[in-house]
Amino acid sequence: MPERNLGNSWALVKQAASSWVDDYAPSMGAALSYYSVFSLAPLLVIVISIAGMVFGEEAARGEVFAQLSGLMGADAAAAVEELLNAAAKPSTGITSAVIGLVVLLIGATTVFGELQDALDRIWRAPVREGATGLWGLLRARFLSFGMILGIAFLLMVSLVMSAAVSALGKWWAPAFGGWEVLAQAINAVVGFAFTTVVFAMIYKVMPRVRVRWHDVWLGAAITAVLFTVGRMLIGLYIGKTALASGFGAAGSLAVIFVWVYYSAQIFLMGAEFTWVYARTFGSMRDHGGDTPAAGEALGDPPSRTAGTAGQPPGSAVSA
């Protein structure tokens, strides 16, 4: 039985890796990285503002950068903080403030549109009829803003957990000698749970197909683990190669691009694994791998064939 489970796991990994190559994930990741870097600061401004209404801006900002440091490492998190400080500068005048808010919202939601396109390609989502033009654009922006609200809510939950651990520390630290180690372990678990839930939410909500919650949890958890491992590896790479100093004034931006590109590849590999898992063990198992559109009856979406592997990202997929 253990050998069979190990064989199944290895087969899932091989299928996910093969699909990752067939879908041109490196090219998709490059496009996703470009949008992500320029959406990162506006996204964080909005998330911190929403969470700051409850806990105060300083507490929200501190928690955001604690999470980012855990994911990205200190150098990349410091570079993001520089971008955030520039994006958060208040505008003077009502007109400038309104224009700044609109630009902020557009910038923050753009990356989710690119995420949706990438996930639709991975899940072979059928072409949707109707939601085009202005209504389609507004619908996509509203969905993206809903994702931002969800991330802000998770941030507030993380803040509550951190505050609870801190409060318990004041009571238990004098009597319990190992409290500091336990507190670090609790914070690590909270950070891992936060990251896993964010990935699960994106994998579940963003594709234009019906995806069940039980399809996404394993892929989200594996992606979170890879992020943890990757943080250490990318930190070593950035430190050993002196990447920031090599690019001069653009060093901070180069550090962010390297980290975001790596993160995009991990995210896309997690999405491919989730797709393969759903076809093999999840909700798509009884449909032979067909992908039903969200809110629609099961149709005839294109399947992965040898003919799809040669198509570049963004091109139409033949049936």
Foldseek 3Di string as FASTA:
>chain_A
DVVVVVVVVVVLLVQLVVLCLLQVLLVLLLVLLVLCLQQVLLLLVVLLVVLCVPVNSVLLVVLVLVLCCLQANDLLSVLSVVVNVVLPPQDPDPVRNVVSVVVSLCSNLVSLVSLQLLLCSLLLADDDPDLDDPNVVVVSSVLSVVLSVVLSVLSNVLSVQLVVLVVVCVVCVVPDVCSVVVSVVSNVVSSLVSQLVSLLCSLCRRYQFHDDSVLQNVLSSVLSVVSSVVSVVLVCVCVVVVQLVVVPPCSNVRSSSVSSSVSSSSSSSSSSSSLSCCCPPNDVVVVNSQTHGVPDPGDDGDDDDPVSSPDHRPDDDDD
